[in-house]
Each structure stands twice: as structure tokens, then as C-alpha cells.
Amino acid sequence: MPLEDERIGISVDEAAKMLNVGKNLMLEMVKMEGFPAIRLKRKIIIDKQALPKWFSENYGKYTY
């Protein structure tokens, strides 16, 4: 079993904690074009290394 730090994919809950946002907001963010996530049926896997890069490239852009 891989160690926690070796995982390249994280859950919606884990990503929400990384960005300090709620789960519902994270589920909306996953729908954004270019967001680093893969949906496999009902499972969403977010690229752990790409998330901070995506955030730094997209902060200041508002979708609402």
C-alpha cells in the first residue's frame, strides 16, 4: 500500500481541506474547465500536484 505522500490523486474532501473551502464549493470547482480532476463514474480524483499550480494560475478569476 502506498504511503500517504506518494499518492498522486486525492479526494474531493482532501482537496477542499487543501484550499480551505467546503465540499460543495469543491464539487462546483471540479466542473470548471481545466480543473485537474478525473471523474470515474461517481468517483472524483484530483491531481494532488496540479491543484496548487491550477490555483496559482486561476486566482483572481471569478466565475459567479
PDB file of N, CA and C in Angstrom:
ATOM      1  N   MET A   1       0.851  -1.191   0.000  1.00  0.00           N
ATOM      2  CA  MET A   1       0.000   0.000   0.000  1.00  0.00           C
ATOM      3  C   MET A   1       0.890   1.245   0.000  1.00  0.00           C
ATOM      4  N   PRO A   2       0.624   2.219  -0.902  1.00  0.00           N
ATOM      5  CA  PRO A   2       1.483   3.397  -0.967  1.00  0.00           C
ATOM      6  C   PRO A   2       1.332   4.275   0.270  1.00  0.00           C
ATOM      7  N   LEU A   3       2.392   4.961   0.601  1.00  0.00           N
ATOM      8  CA  LEU A   3       2.342   5.908   1.699  1.00  0.00           C
ATOM      9  C   LEU A   3       1.504   7.113   1.296  1.00  0.00           C
ATOM     10  N   GLU A   4       0.995   7.834   2.275  1.00  0.00           N
ATOM     11  CA  GLU A   4       0.131   8.993   2.041  1.00  0.00           C
ATOM     12  C   GLU A   4       0.787  10.004   1.094  1.00  0.00           C
ATOM     13  N   ASP A   5       2.064  10.296   1.291  1.00  0.00           N
ATOM     14  CA  ASP A   5       2.755  11.301   0.487  1.00  0.00           C
ATOM     15  C   ASP A   5       3.014  10.831  -0.940  1.00  0.00           C
ATOM     16  N   GLU A   6       2.942   9.543  -1.197  1.00  0.00           N
ATOM     17  CA  GLU A   6       3.218   9.014  -2.525  1.00  0.00           C
ATOM     18  C   GLU A   6       2.003   9.062  -3.443  1.00  0.00           C
ATOM     19  N   ARG A   7       0.812   9.267  -2.879  1.00  0.00           N
ATOM     20  CA  ARG A   7      -0.389   9.297  -3.715  1.00  0.00           C
ATOM     21  C   ARG A   7      -0.364  10.509  -4.631  1.00  0.00           C
ATOM     22  N   ILE A   8      -0.768  10.303  -5.879  1.00  0.00           N
ATOM     23  CA  ILE A   8      -0.834  11.431  -6.803  1.00  0.00           C
ATOM     24  C   ILE A   8      -2.253  11.977  -6.919  1.00  0.00           C
ATOM     25  N   GLY A   9      -3.230  11.196  -6.489  1.00  0.00           N
ATOM     26  CA  GLY A   9      -4.619  11.624  -6.532  1.00  0.00           C
ATOM     27  C   GLY A   9      -5.199  11.759  -5.142  1.00  0.00           C
ATOM     28  N   ILE A  10      -6.047  12.766  -4.948  1.00  0.00           N
ATOM     29  CA  ILE A  10      -6.708  12.976  -3.664  1.00  0.00           C
ATOM     30  C   ILE A  10      -8.211  13.101  -3.881  1.00  0.00           C
ATOM     31  N   SER A  11      -8.947  12.952  -2.803  1.00  0.00           N
ATOM     32  CA  SER A  11     -10.409  13.031  -2.867  1.00  0.00           C
ATOM     33  C   SER A  11     -10.884  14.486  -2.855  1.00  0.00           C
ATOM     34  N   VAL A  12     -12.157  14.665  -3.123  1.00  0.00           N
ATOM     35  CA  VAL A  12     -12.770  15.988  -3.068  1.00  0.00           C
ATOM     36  C   VAL A  12     -12.627  16.573  -1.667  1.00  0.00           C
ATOM     37  N   ASP A  13     -12.850  15.764  -0.646  1.00  0.00           N
ATOM     38  CA  ASP A  13     -12.724  16.242   0.738  1.00  0.00           C
ATOM     39  C   ASP A  13     -11.302  16.707   1.041  1.00  0.00           C
ATOM     40  N   GLU A  14     -10.314  15.931   0.597  1.00  0.00           N
ATOM     41  CA  GLU A  14      -8.916  16.296   0.848  1.00  0.00           C
ATOM     42  C   GLU A  14      -8.541  17.579   0.108  1.00  0.00           C
ATOM     43  N   ALA A  15      -9.015  17.707  -1.128  1.00  0.00           N
ATOM     44  CA  ALA A  15      -8.742  18.919  -1.907  1.00  0.00           C
ATOM     45  C   ALA A  15      -9.419  20.135  -1.271  1.00  0.00           C
ATOM     46  N   ALA A  16     -10.623  19.947  -0.774  1.00  0.00           N
ATOM     47  CA  ALA A  16     -11.331  21.044  -0.102  1.00  0.00           C
ATOM     48  C   ALA A  16     -10.544  21.519   1.113  1.00  0.00           C
ATOM     49  N   LYS A  17      -9.978  20.589   1.858  1.00  0.00           N
ATOM     50  CA  LYS A  17      -9.161  20.959   3.019  1.00  0.00           C
ATOM     51  C   LYS A  17      -7.902  21.705   2.590  1.00  0.00           C
ATOM     52  N   MET A  18      -7.280  21.263   1.477  1.00  0.00           N
ATOM     53  CA  MET A  18      -6.082  21.945   0.978  1.00  0.00           C
ATOM     54  C   MET A  18      -6.370  23.401   0.652  1.00  0.00           C
ATOM     55  N   LEU A  19      -7.536  23.680   0.050  1.00  0.00           N
ATOM     56  CA  LEU A  19      -7.887  25.038  -0.352  1.00  0.00           C
ATOM     57  C   LEU A  19      -8.726  25.771   0.694  1.00  0.00           C
ATOM     58  N   ASN A  20      -9.032  25.087   1.789  1.00  0.00           N
ATOM     59  CA  ASN A  20      -9.826  25.678   2.873  1.00  0.00           C
ATOM     60  C   ASN A  20     -11.195  26.158   2.367  1.00  0.00           C
ATOM     61  N   VAL A  21     -11.852  25.284   1.605  1.00  0.00           N
ATOM     62  CA  VAL A  21     -13.204  25.559   1.122  1.00  0.00           C
ATOM     63  C   VAL A  21     -14.099  24.372   1.498  1.00  0.00           C
ATOM     64  N   GLY A  22     -15.383  24.557   1.375  1.00  0.00           N
ATOM     65  CA  GLY A  22     -16.320  23.486   1.677  1.00  0.00           C
ATOM     66  C   GLY A  22     -16.399  22.462   0.555  1.00  0.00           C
ATOM     67  N   LYS A  23     -16.951  21.305   0.884  1.00  0.00           N
ATOM     68  CA  LYS A  23     -17.078  20.229  -0.097  1.00  0.00           C
ATOM     69  C   LYS A  23     -17.959  20.637  -1.266  1.00  0.00           C
ATOM     70  N   ASN A  24     -19.070  21.330  -0.995  1.00  0.00           N
ATOM     71  CA  ASN A  24     -19.970  21.731  -2.076  1.00  0.00           C
ATOM     72  C   ASN A  24     -19.288  22.681  -3.055  1.00  0.00           C
ATOM     73  N   LEU A  25     -18.493  23.610  -2.544  1.00  0.00           N
ATOM     74  CA  LEU A  25     -17.762  24.512  -3.420  1.00  0.00           C
ATOM     75  C   LEU A  25     -16.734  23.744  -4.237  1.00  0.00           C
ATOM     76  N   MET A  26     -16.057  22.791  -3.604  1.00  0.00           N
ATOM     77  CA  MET A  26     -15.072  21.990  -4.330  1.00  0.00           C
ATOM     78  C   MET A  26     -15.742  21.204  -5.446  1.00  0.00           C
ATOM     79  N   LEU A  27     -16.934  20.675  -5.204  1.00  0.00           N
ATOM     80  CA  LEU A  27     -17.661  19.952  -6.251  1.00  0.00           C
ATOM     81  C   LEU A  27     -18.011  20.868  -7.421  1.00  0.00           C
ATOM     82  N   GLU A  28     -18.260  22.139  -7.152  1.00  0.00           N
ATOM     83  CA  GLU A  28     -18.502  23.104  -8.228  1.00  0.00           C
ATOM     84  C   GLU A  28     -17.206  23.399  -8.974  1.00  0.00           C
ATOM     85  N   MET A  29     -16.108  23.508  -8.249  1.00  0.00           N
ATOM     86  CA  MET A  29     -14.815  23.800  -8.871  1.00  0.00           C
ATOM     87  C   MET A  29     -14.389  22.679  -9.809  1.00  0.00           C
ATOM     88  N   VAL A  30     -14.704  21.449  -9.440  1.00  0.00           N
ATOM     89  CA  VAL A  30     -14.343  20.291 -10.261  1.00  0.00           C
ATOM     90  C   VAL A  30     -14.970  20.396 -11.656  1.00  0.00           C
ATOM     91  N   LYS A  31     -16.098  21.083 -11.754  1.00  0.00           N
ATOM     92  CA  LYS A  31     -16.784  21.238 -13.039  1.00  0.00           C
ATOM     93  C   LYS A  31     -16.147  22.305 -13.929  1.00  0.00           C
ATOM     94  N   MET A  32     -15.246  23.096 -13.370  1.00  0.00           N
ATOM     95  CA  MET A  32     -14.625  24.181 -14.128  1.00  0.00           C
ATOM     96  C   MET A  32     -13.683  23.621 -15.184  1.00  0.00           C
ATOM     97  N   GLU A  33     -13.689  24.245 -16.346  1.00  0.00           N
ATOM     98  CA  GLU A  33     -12.816  23.811 -17.434  1.00  0.00           C
ATOM     99  C   GLU A  33     -11.356  23.947 -17.011  1.00  0.00           C
ATOM    100  N   GLY A  34     -10.600  22.909 -17.234  1.00  0.00           N
ATOM    101  CA  GLY A  34      -9.178  22.929 -16.913  1.00  0.00           C
ATOM    102  C   GLY A  34      -8.837  22.507 -15.501  1.00  0.00           C
ATOM    103  N   PHE A  35      -9.869  22.236 -14.673  1.00  0.00           N
ATOM    104  CA  PHE A  35      -9.590  21.814 -13.294  1.00  0.00           C
ATOM    105  C   PHE A  35      -8.929  20.437 -13.330  1.00  0.00           C
ATOM    106  N   PRO A  36      -7.872  20.232 -12.537  1.00  0.00           N
ATOM    107  CA  PRO A  36      -7.104  18.983 -12.604  1.00  0.00           C
ATOM    108  C   PRO A  36      -7.767  17.805 -11.895  1.00  0.00           C
ATOM    109  N   ALA A  37      -8.842  17.304 -12.490  1.00  0.00           N
ATOM    110  CA  ALA A  37      -9.571  16.189 -11.884  1.00  0.00           C
ATOM    111  C   ALA A  37     -10.046  15.225 -12.952  1.00  0.00           C
ATOM    112  N   ILE A  38     -10.256  13.994 -12.527  1.00  0.00           N
ATOM    113  CA  ILE A  38     -10.806  12.952 -13.384  1.00  0.00           C
ATOM    114  C   ILE A  38     -12.034  12.385 -12.689  1.00  0.00           C
ATOM    115  N   ARG A  39     -13.111  12.192 -13.431  1.00  0.00           N
ATOM    116  CA  ARG A  39     -14.314  11.577 -12.879  1.00  0.00           C
ATOM    117  C   ARG A  39     -14.429  10.175 -13.452  1.00  0.00           C
ATOM    118  N   LEU A  40     -14.490   9.197 -12.571  1.00  0.00           N
ATOM    119  CA  LEU A  40     -14.669   7.797 -12.947  1.00  0.00           C
ATOM    120  C   LEU A  40     -15.963   7.330 -12.306  1.00  0.00           C
ATOM    121  N   LYS A  41     -17.020   7.311 -13.100  1.00  0.00           N
ATOM    122  CA  LYS A  41     -18.378   7.054 -12.607  1.00  0.00           C
ATOM    123  C   LYS A  41     -18.681   8.078 -11.519  1.00  0.00           C
ATOM    124  N   ARG A  42     -18.843   7.659 -10.267  1.00  0.00           N
ATOM    125  CA  ARG A  42     -19.169   8.594  -9.188  1.00  0.00           C
ATOM    126  C   ARG A  42     -17.941   9.033  -8.398  1.00  0.00           C
ATOM    127  N   LYS A  43     -16.787   8.506  -8.734  1.00  0.00           N
ATOM    128  CA  LYS A  43     -15.550   8.821  -8.026  1.00  0.00           C
ATOM    129  C   LYS A  43     -14.831   9.967  -8.722  1.00  0.00           C
ATOM    130  N   ILE A  44     -14.397  10.964  -7.953  1.00  0.00           N
ATOM    131  CA  ILE A  44     -13.635  12.092  -8.481  1.00  0.00           C
ATOM    132  C   ILE A  44     -12.242  12.031  -7.861  1.00  0.00           C
ATOM    133  N   ILE A  45     -11.227  12.057  -8.716  1.00  0.00           N
ATOM    134  CA  ILE A  45      -9.845  12.037  -8.253  1.00  0.00           C
ATOM    135  C   ILE A  45      -9.184  13.322  -8.734  1.00  0.00           C
ATOM    136  N   ILE A  46      -8.584  14.043  -7.805  1.00  0.00           N
ATOM    137  CA  ILE A  46      -7.962  15.326  -8.106  1.00  0.00           C
ATOM    138  C   ILE A  46      -6.450  15.166  -8.038  1.00  0.00           C
ATOM    139  N   ASP A  47      -5.761  15.698  -9.034  1.00  0.00           N
ATOM    140  CA  ASP A  47      -4.306  15.618  -9.113  1.00  0.00           C
ATOM    141  C   ASP A  47      -3.693  16.477  -7.999  1.00  0.00           C
ATOM    142  N   LYS A  48      -3.049  15.817  -7.059  1.00  0.00           N
ATOM    143  CA  LYS A  48      -2.515  16.481  -5.866  1.00  0.00           C
ATOM    144  C   LYS A  48      -1.459  17.536  -6.201  1.00  0.00           C
ATOM    145  N   GLN A  49      -0.571  17.238  -7.154  1.00  0.00           N
ATOM    146  CA  GLN A  49       0.487  18.180  -7.508  1.00  0.00           C
ATOM    147  C   GLN A  49      -0.022  19.308  -8.406  1.00  0.00           C
ATOM    148  N   ALA A  50      -1.018  19.034  -9.227  1.00  0.00           N
ATOM    149  CA  ALA A  50      -1.522  20.046 -10.160  1.00  0.00           C
ATOM    150  C   ALA A  50      -2.467  21.043  -9.492  1.00  0.00           C
ATOM    151  N   LEU A  51      -3.057  20.686  -8.367  1.00  0.00           N
ATOM    152  CA  LEU A  51      -4.028  21.566  -7.714  1.00  0.00           C
ATOM    153  C   LEU A  51      -3.414  22.917  -7.314  1.00  0.00           C
ATOM    154  N   PRO A  52      -2.273  22.949  -6.612  1.00  0.00           N
ATOM    155  CA  PRO A  52      -1.693  24.260  -6.273  1.00  0.00           C
ATOM    156  C   PRO A  52      -1.316  25.079  -7.511  1.00  0.00           C
ATOM    157  N   LYS A  53      -0.828  24.421  -8.555  1.00  0.00           N
ATOM    158  CA  LYS A  53      -0.471  25.114  -9.794  1.00  0.00           C
ATOM    159  C   LYS A  53      -1.725  25.693 -10.440  1.00  0.00           C
ATOM    160  N   TRP A  54      -2.802  24.896 -10.505  1.00  0.00           N
ATOM    161  CA  TRP A  54      -4.063  25.378 -11.063  1.00  0.00           C
ATOM    162  C   TRP A  54      -4.550  26.590 -10.279  1.00  0.00           C
ATOM    163  N   PHE A  55      -4.481  26.518  -8.964  1.00  0.00           N
ATOM    164  CA  PHE A  55      -4.951  27.615  -8.117  1.00  0.00           C
ATOM    165  C   PHE A  55      -4.142  28.887  -8.394  1.00  0.00           C
ATOM    166  N   SER A  56      -2.818  28.765  -8.441  1.00  0.00           N
ATOM    167  CA  SER A  56      -1.987  29.951  -8.652  1.00  0.00           C
ATOM    168  C   SER A  56      -2.209  30.562 -10.031  1.00  0.00           C
ATOM    169  N   GLU A  57      -2.573  29.756 -11.009  1.00  0.00           N
ATOM    170  CA  GLU A  57      -2.832  30.260 -12.356  1.00  0.00           C
ATOM    171  C   GLU A  57      -4.243  30.836 -12.505  1.00  0.00           C
ATOM    172  N   ASN A  58      -5.140  30.544 -11.567  1.00  0.00           N
ATOM    173  CA  ASN A  58      -6.544  30.942 -11.720  1.00  0.00           C
ATOM    174  C   ASN A  58      -7.070  31.860 -10.627  1.00  0.00           C
ATOM    175  N   TYR A  59      -6.263  32.180  -9.615  1.00  0.00           N
ATOM    176  CA  TYR A  59      -6.823  33.052  -8.582  1.00  0.00           C
ATOM    177  C   TYR A  59      -7.072  34.442  -9.173  1.00  0.00           C
ATOM    178  N   GLY A  60      -8.091  35.079  -8.669  1.00  0.00           N
ATOM    179  CA  GLY A  60      -8.499  36.369  -9.204  1.00  0.00           C
ATOM    180  C   GLY A  60      -9.537  36.279 -10.303  1.00  0.00           C
ATOM    181  N   LYS A  61      -9.753  35.085 -10.833  1.00  0.00           N
ATOM    182  CA  LYS A  61     -10.781  34.883 -11.850  1.00  0.00           C
ATOM    183  C   LYS A  61     -12.066  34.457 -11.137  1.00  0.00           C
ATOM    184  N   TYR A  62     -13.141  35.150 -11.411  1.00  0.00           N
ATOM    185  CA  TYR A  62     -14.405  34.840 -10.753  1.00  0.00           C
ATOM    186  C   TYR A  62     -15.360  34.206 -11.749  1.00  0.00           C
ATOM    187  N   THR A  63     -16.066  33.182 -11.308  1.00  0.00           N
ATOM    188  CA  THR A  63     -16.999  32.514 -12.207  1.00  0.00           C
ATOM    189  C   THR A  63     -18.453  32.857 -11.876  1.00  0.00           C
ATOM    190  N   TYR A  64     -18.681  33.567 -10.799  1.00  0.00           N
ATOM    191  CA  TYR A  64     -20.053  33.893 -10.404  1.00  0.00           C
ATOM    192  C   TYR A  64     -20.316  35.366 -10.558  1.00  0.00           C
TER     193      TYR A  64
END
